[in-house]
Amino acid sequence: MRCLAVLCCVAATVAGAQQPTPPPSPPPPDSARAESALAPPPPPTPEQKRFVDGLRTATRGIAQLKDGLNRVTRTQSTGDSVSRRRAGRLLVGLCGSARAFMARGRPYMKPAVYEDSTRLKARRLTVQMDSLISYTTSCEQTATATPVPVATELTKRLKSYDAVLRDFRLAVGLPVKADSAQTSRRQ
């Protein structure tokens, strides 16, 4: 008898807990936040997806350039000339492979697929990409002998590229990383 009473009590508690609760009332219209009032960007067209895919391919080359720069920068703090030469030779190889990735992704990056101010930002991005592609040939030819001046010039170009890339990503509604210049540390 006690078991039956306990069972009834538990069943009533479980059944009461399963009662739906009323949904919370929406906030009054005058208290809506300004951030939530912005409409999300429209879905990208197939041509815009192609642009972003080309950018993704080209960004692999940018990552290689940043890795090479990171290595050259780290070796400058050491007094070892062998490691400096090795870093310069590695930068030469990474400039070549980076150029291949950027040149492969660049043809898909046609600014005309965007409208108005976004087109202008896409155009600036492609101009920066073209500048980096053209400089990588010079990087390949001179980085072995003089890696520091090449790294300095490449750093300047990459900083302007990062600024333009950030503006473009904001314009099309893509997430923007806090600092895209950071690369992973290797030991």
C-alpha atoms as a PDB file:
ATOM      1  CA  MET A   1       0.000   0.000   0.000  1.00  0.00           C
ATOM      2  CA  ARG A   2       2.838   2.355   0.812  1.00  0.00           C
ATOM      3  CA  CYS A   3       4.505   1.553  -2.505  1.00  0.00           C
ATOM      4  CA  LEU A   4       1.307   2.456  -4.314  1.00  0.00           C
ATOM      5  CA  ALA A   5       1.080   5.763  -2.447  1.00  0.00           C
ATOM      6  CA  VAL A   6       4.742   6.609  -3.207  1.00  0.00           C
ATOM      7  CA  LEU A   7       4.257   5.637  -6.858  1.00  0.00           C
ATOM      8  CA  CYS A   8       1.200   7.902  -7.143  1.00  0.00           C
ATOM      9  CA  CYS A   9       3.104  10.740  -5.497  1.00  0.00           C
ATOM     10  CA  VAL A  10       6.089  10.376  -7.887  1.00  0.00           C
ATOM     11  CA  ALA A  11       3.801  10.108 -10.924  1.00  0.00           C
ATOM     12  CA  ALA A  12       1.961  13.281  -9.909  1.00  0.00           C
ATOM     13  CA  THR A  13       5.253  15.141  -9.434  1.00  0.00           C
ATOM     14  CA  VAL A  14       6.600  14.030 -12.822  1.00  0.00           C
ATOM     15  CA  ALA A  15       3.324  14.875 -14.557  1.00  0.00           C
ATOM     16  CA  GLY A  16       3.320  18.322 -12.941  1.00  0.00           C
ATOM     17  CA  ALA A  17       6.892  18.959 -14.009  1.00  0.00           C
ATOM     18  CA  GLN A  18       5.981  18.225 -17.628  1.00  0.00           C
ATOM     19  CA  GLN A  19       3.425  21.029 -17.801  1.00  0.00           C
ATOM     20  CA  PRO A  20       4.542  23.535 -20.458  1.00  0.00           C
ATOM     21  CA  THR A  21       5.518  26.929 -19.164  1.00  0.00           C
ATOM     22  CA  PRO A  22       4.254  29.977 -21.012  1.00  0.00           C
ATOM     23  CA  PRO A  23       6.877  31.589 -23.277  1.00  0.00           C
ATOM     24  CA  PRO A  24       8.379  34.823 -22.000  1.00  0.00           C
ATOM     25  CA  SER A  25       6.664  37.925 -23.282  1.00  0.00           C
ATOM     26  CA  PRO A  26       8.559  39.862 -25.969  1.00  0.00           C
ATOM     27  CA  PRO A  27      10.198  43.100 -24.870  1.00  0.00           C
ATOM     28  CA  PRO A  28       8.347  46.306 -25.633  1.00  0.00           C
ATOM     29  CA  PRO A  29       9.251  47.717 -29.078  1.00  0.00           C
ATOM     30  CA  ASP A  30      10.795  50.900 -27.697  1.00  0.00           C
ATOM     31  CA  SER A  31      13.392  48.972 -25.677  1.00  0.00           C
ATOM     32  CA  ALA A  32      14.849  47.046 -28.634  1.00  0.00           C
ATOM     33  CA  ARG A  33      18.624  47.293 -28.798  1.00  0.00           C
ATOM     34  CA  ALA A  34      20.256  48.992 -31.766  1.00  0.00           C
ATOM     35  CA  GLU A  35      22.568  46.043 -32.475  1.00  0.00           C
ATOM     36  CA  SER A  36      19.658  43.670 -32.905  1.00  0.00           C
ATOM     37  CA  ALA A  37      17.929  46.067 -35.307  1.00  0.00           C
ATOM     38  CA  LEU A  38      20.574  45.494 -38.006  1.00  0.00           C
ATOM     39  CA  ALA A  39      19.467  43.036 -40.636  1.00  0.00           C
ATOM     40  CA  PRO A  40      21.824  40.176 -41.451  1.00  0.00           C
ATOM     41  CA  PRO A  41      23.521  40.415 -44.844  1.00  0.00           C
ATOM     42  CA  PRO A  42      21.741  38.668 -47.703  1.00  0.00           C
ATOM     43  CA  PRO A  43      23.002  35.201 -48.615  1.00  0.00           C
ATOM     44  CA  PRO A  44      25.938  35.318 -51.038  1.00  0.00           C
ATOM     45  CA  THR A  45      25.413  34.674 -54.728  1.00  0.00           C
ATOM     46  CA  PRO A  46      27.326  31.834 -56.430  1.00  0.00           C
ATOM     47  CA  GLU A  47      29.771  34.387 -57.867  1.00  0.00           C
ATOM     48  CA  GLN A  48      30.359  35.840 -54.405  1.00  0.00           C
ATOM     49  CA  LYS A  49      30.956  32.340 -53.029  1.00  0.00           C
ATOM     50  CA  ARG A  50      33.501  31.833 -55.802  1.00  0.00           C
ATOM     51  CA  PHE A  51      35.216  35.097 -54.766  1.00  0.00           C
ATOM     52  CA  VAL A  52      35.418  33.960 -51.143  1.00  0.00           C
ATOM     53  CA  ASP A  53      36.695  30.516 -52.201  1.00  0.00           C
ATOM     54  CA  GLY A  54      39.422  32.206 -54.260  1.00  0.00           C
ATOM     55  CA  LEU A  55      40.250  34.357 -51.255  1.00  0.00           C
ATOM     56  CA  ARG A  56      40.480  31.236 -49.093  1.00  0.00           C
ATOM     57  CA  THR A  57      42.969  29.668 -51.519  1.00  0.00           C
ATOM     58  CA  ALA A  58      45.011  32.862 -51.686  1.00  0.00           C
ATOM     59  CA  THR A  59      44.986  33.127 -47.897  1.00  0.00           C
ATOM     60  CA  ARG A  60      46.879  29.848 -47.698  1.00  0.00           C
ATOM     61  CA  GLY A  61      49.699  31.598 -49.530  1.00  0.00           C
ATOM     62  CA  ILE A  62      49.496  34.549 -47.156  1.00  0.00           C
ATOM     63  CA  ALA A  63      49.863  32.155 -44.218  1.00  0.00           C
ATOM     64  CA  GLN A  64      53.015  30.724 -45.788  1.00  0.00           C
ATOM     65  CA  LEU A  65      54.481  34.201 -46.208  1.00  0.00           C
ATOM     66  CA  LYS A  66      53.749  34.973 -42.564  1.00  0.00           C
ATOM     67  CA  ASP A  67      55.405  31.731 -41.501  1.00  0.00           C
ATOM     68  CA  GLY A  68      58.535  32.608 -43.480  1.00  0.00           C
ATOM     69  CA  LEU A  69      58.589  36.116 -42.014  1.00  0.00           C
ATOM     70  CA  ASN A  70      58.188  34.704 -38.530  1.00  0.00           C
ATOM     71  CA  ARG A  71      61.191  32.437 -39.029  1.00  0.00           C
ATOM     72  CA  VAL A  72      63.384  35.237 -40.388  1.00  0.00           C
ATOM     73  CA  THR A  73      62.372  37.500 -37.498  1.00  0.00           C
ATOM     74  CA  ARG A  74      63.155  34.839 -34.889  1.00  0.00           C
ATOM     75  CA  THR A  75      66.597  34.126 -36.331  1.00  0.00           C
ATOM     76  CA  GLN A  76      67.581  37.809 -36.234  1.00  0.00           C
ATOM     77  CA  SER A  77      67.688  37.714 -32.447  1.00  0.00           C
ATOM     78  CA  THR A  78      70.255  34.906 -32.521  1.00  0.00           C
ATOM     79  CA  GLY A  79      73.876  35.399 -33.523  1.00  0.00           C
ATOM     80  CA  ASP A  80      73.926  32.235 -35.610  1.00  0.00           C
ATOM     81  CA  SER A  81      74.594  33.069 -39.272  1.00  0.00           C
ATOM     82  CA  VAL A  82      73.830  29.509 -40.377  1.00  0.00           C
ATOM     83  CA  SER A  83      70.285  29.681 -39.028  1.00  0.00           C
ATOM     84  CA  ARG A  84      69.858  33.117 -40.645  1.00  0.00           C
ATOM     85  CA  ARG A  85      70.874  31.736 -44.025  1.00  0.00           C
ATOM     86  CA  ARG A  86      68.600  28.756 -43.535  1.00  0.00           C
ATOM     87  CA  ALA A  87      65.681  31.063 -42.679  1.00  0.00           C
ATOM     88  CA  GLY A  88      66.430  33.135 -45.796  1.00  0.00           C
ATOM     89  CA  ARG A  89      66.424  30.032 -47.995  1.00  0.00           C
ATOM     90  CA  LEU A  90      63.203  28.867 -46.384  1.00  0.00           C
ATOM     91  CA  LEU A  91      61.645  32.285 -47.045  1.00  0.00           C
ATOM     92  CA  VAL A  92      62.616  31.917 -50.711  1.00  0.00           C
ATOM     93  CA  GLY A  93      60.816  28.575 -50.922  1.00  0.00           C
ATOM     94  CA  LEU A  94      57.783  29.845 -49.048  1.00  0.00           C
ATOM     95  CA  CYS A  95      57.588  32.913 -51.300  1.00  0.00           C
ATOM     96  CA  GLY A  96      57.445  30.596 -54.305  1.00  0.00           C
ATOM     97  CA  SER A  97      54.746  28.355 -52.906  1.00  0.00           C
ATOM     98  CA  ALA A  98      52.817  31.367 -51.556  1.00  0.00           C
ATOM     99  CA  ARG A  99      52.871  32.913 -55.023  1.00  0.00           C
ATOM    100  CA  ALA A 100      51.447  29.693 -56.447  1.00  0.00           C
ATOM    101  CA  PHE A 101      48.540  29.675 -53.965  1.00  0.00           C
ATOM    102  CA  MET A 102      47.819  33.369 -54.423  1.00  0.00           C
ATOM    103  CA  ALA A 103      48.021  33.113 -58.213  1.00  0.00           C
ATOM    104  CA  ARG A 104      45.666  30.127 -58.139  1.00  0.00           C
ATOM    105  CA  GLY A 105      43.060  31.899 -56.011  1.00  0.00           C
ATOM    106  CA  ARG A 106      43.320  35.380 -57.554  1.00  0.00           C
ATOM    107  CA  PRO A 107      41.447  34.684 -60.855  1.00  0.00           C
ATOM    108  CA  TYR A 108      38.300  33.818 -58.887  1.00  0.00           C
ATOM    109  CA  MET A 109      38.418  37.133 -57.041  1.00  0.00           C
ATOM    110  CA  LYS A 110      36.408  39.412 -59.345  1.00  0.00           C
ATOM    111  CA  PRO A 111      35.267  42.571 -57.528  1.00  0.00           C
ATOM    112  CA  ALA A 112      32.404  43.113 -60.000  1.00  0.00           C
ATOM    113  CA  VAL A 113      30.341  40.447 -58.202  1.00  0.00           C
ATOM    114  CA  TYR A 114      29.759  42.906 -55.339  1.00  0.00           C
ATOM    115  CA  GLU A 115      27.859  46.170 -55.332  1.00  0.00           C
ATOM    116  CA  ASP A 116      28.681  49.725 -54.273  1.00  0.00           C
ATOM    117  CA  SER A 117      31.057  50.141 -51.340  1.00  0.00           C
ATOM    118  CA  THR A 118      31.666  46.412 -51.019  1.00  0.00           C
ATOM    119  CA  ARG A 119      32.884  46.371 -54.626  1.00  0.00           C
ATOM    120  CA  LEU A 120      35.351  49.131 -53.773  1.00  0.00           C
ATOM    121  CA  LYS A 121      36.652  47.138 -50.797  1.00  0.00           C
ATOM    122  CA  ALA A 122      36.888  43.982 -52.915  1.00  0.00           C
ATOM    123  CA  ARG A 123      38.814  45.957 -55.530  1.00  0.00           C
ATOM    124  CA  ARG A 124      41.262  47.221 -52.892  1.00  0.00           C
ATOM    125  CA  LEU A 125      41.702  43.652 -51.684  1.00  0.00           C
ATOM    126  CA  THR A 126      42.529  42.401 -55.173  1.00  0.00           C
ATOM    127  CA  VAL A 127      44.985  45.274 -55.696  1.00  0.00           C
ATOM    128  CA  GLN A 128      46.779  44.311 -52.467  1.00  0.00           C
ATOM    129  CA  MET A 129      46.768  40.667 -53.551  1.00  0.00           C
ATOM    130  CA  ASP A 130      48.288  41.632 -56.918  1.00  0.00           C
ATOM    131  CA  SER A 131      50.943  43.660 -55.106  1.00  0.00           C
ATOM    132  CA  LEU A 132      51.884  40.664 -52.960  1.00  0.00           C
ATOM    133  CA  ILE A 133      51.939  38.315 -55.958  1.00  0.00           C
ATOM    134  CA  SER A 134      54.247  40.642 -57.874  1.00  0.00           C
ATOM    135  CA  TYR A 135      56.568  41.089 -54.888  1.00  0.00           C
ATOM    136  CA  THR A 136      56.992  37.360 -54.290  1.00  0.00           C
ATOM    137  CA  THR A 137      59.118  37.067 -57.448  1.00  0.00           C
ATOM    138  CA  SER A 138      61.502  39.673 -56.015  1.00  0.00           C
ATOM    139  CA  CYS A 139      61.370  37.827 -52.696  1.00  0.00           C
ATOM    140  CA  GLU A 140      62.418  34.599 -54.398  1.00  0.00           C
ATOM    141  CA  GLN A 141      65.371  36.277 -56.084  1.00  0.00           C
ATOM    142  CA  THR A 142      66.809  38.261 -53.172  1.00  0.00           C
ATOM    143  CA  ALA A 143      65.713  36.703 -49.868  1.00  0.00           C
ATOM    144  CA  THR A 144      68.604  34.248 -49.710  1.00  0.00           C
ATOM    145  CA  ALA A 145      71.226  36.992 -49.883  1.00  0.00           C
ATOM    146  CA  THR A 146      69.376  39.698 -47.929  1.00  0.00           C
ATOM    147  CA  PRO A 147      66.467  38.263 -45.947  1.00  0.00           C
ATOM    148  CA  VAL A 148      66.057  41.213 -43.543  1.00  0.00           C
ATOM    149  CA  PRO A 149      65.218  43.941 -46.108  1.00  0.00           C
ATOM    150  CA  VAL A 150      62.929  41.526 -47.942  1.00  0.00           C
ATOM    151  CA  ALA A 151      61.190  40.641 -44.685  1.00  0.00           C
ATOM    152  CA  THR A 152      60.788  44.337 -43.834  1.00  0.00           C
ATOM    153  CA  GLU A 153      59.187  45.138 -47.192  1.00  0.00           C
ATOM    154  CA  LEU A 154      57.009  42.045 -47.044  1.00  0.00           C
ATOM    155  CA  THR A 155      55.856  42.967 -43.543  1.00  0.00           C
ATOM    156  CA  LYS A 156      54.754  46.412 -44.768  1.00  0.00           C
ATOM    157  CA  ARG A 157      52.798  44.895 -47.626  1.00  0.00           C
ATOM    158  CA  LEU A 158      51.184  42.281 -45.396  1.00  0.00           C
ATOM    159  CA  LYS A 159      50.086  44.916 -42.874  1.00  0.00           C
ATOM    160  CA  SER A 160      48.292  46.871 -45.591  1.00  0.00           C
ATOM    161  CA  TYR A 161      46.793  43.635 -46.907  1.00  0.00           C
ATOM    162  CA  ASP A 162      45.528  42.725 -43.420  1.00  0.00           C
ATOM    163  CA  ALA A 163      43.887  46.143 -43.010  1.00  0.00           C
ATOM    164  CA  VAL A 164      42.134  45.871 -46.374  1.00  0.00           C
ATOM    165  CA  LEU A 165      41.122  42.263 -45.671  1.00  0.00           C
ATOM    166  CA  ARG A 166      39.608  43.303 -42.352  1.00  0.00           C
ATOM    167  CA  ASP A 167      37.549  46.029 -44.066  1.00  0.00           C
ATOM    168  CA  PHE A 168      36.369  43.576 -46.719  1.00  0.00           C
ATOM    169  CA  ARG A 169      35.379  40.921 -44.192  1.00  0.00           C
ATOM    170  CA  LEU A 170      33.389  43.494 -42.222  1.00  0.00           C
ATOM    171  CA  ALA A 171      31.653  44.672 -45.401  1.00  0.00           C
ATOM    172  CA  VAL A 172      30.485  41.202 -46.435  1.00  0.00           C
ATOM    173  CA  GLY A 173      29.567  40.060 -42.935  1.00  0.00           C
ATOM    174  CA  LEU A 174      32.340  37.516 -42.403  1.00  0.00           C
ATOM    175  CA  PRO A 175      33.833  37.114 -38.926  1.00  0.00           C
ATOM    176  CA  VAL A 176      36.912  39.201 -38.254  1.00  0.00           C
ATOM    177  CA  LYS A 177      39.694  37.739 -36.153  1.00  0.00           C
ATOM    178  CA  ALA A 178      41.310  39.862 -33.458  1.00  0.00           C
ATOM    179  CA  ASP A 179      44.736  39.682 -35.112  1.00  0.00           C
ATOM    180  CA  SER A 180      45.173  37.762 -38.312  1.00  0.00           C
ATOM    181  CA  ALA A 181      48.904  38.515 -38.368  1.00  0.00           C
ATOM    182  CA  GLN A 182      49.661  36.010 -35.643  1.00  0.00           C
ATOM    183  CA  THR A 183      50.896  32.626 -36.779  1.00  0.00           C
ATOM    184  CA  SER A 184      51.368  29.474 -34.782  1.00  0.00           C
ATOM    185  CA  ARG A 185      54.603  29.187 -32.859  1.00  0.00           C
ATOM    186  CA  ARG A 186      57.018  26.434 -33.731  1.00  0.00           C
ATOM    187  CA  GLN A 187      60.007  25.448 -31.698  1.00  0.00           C
END
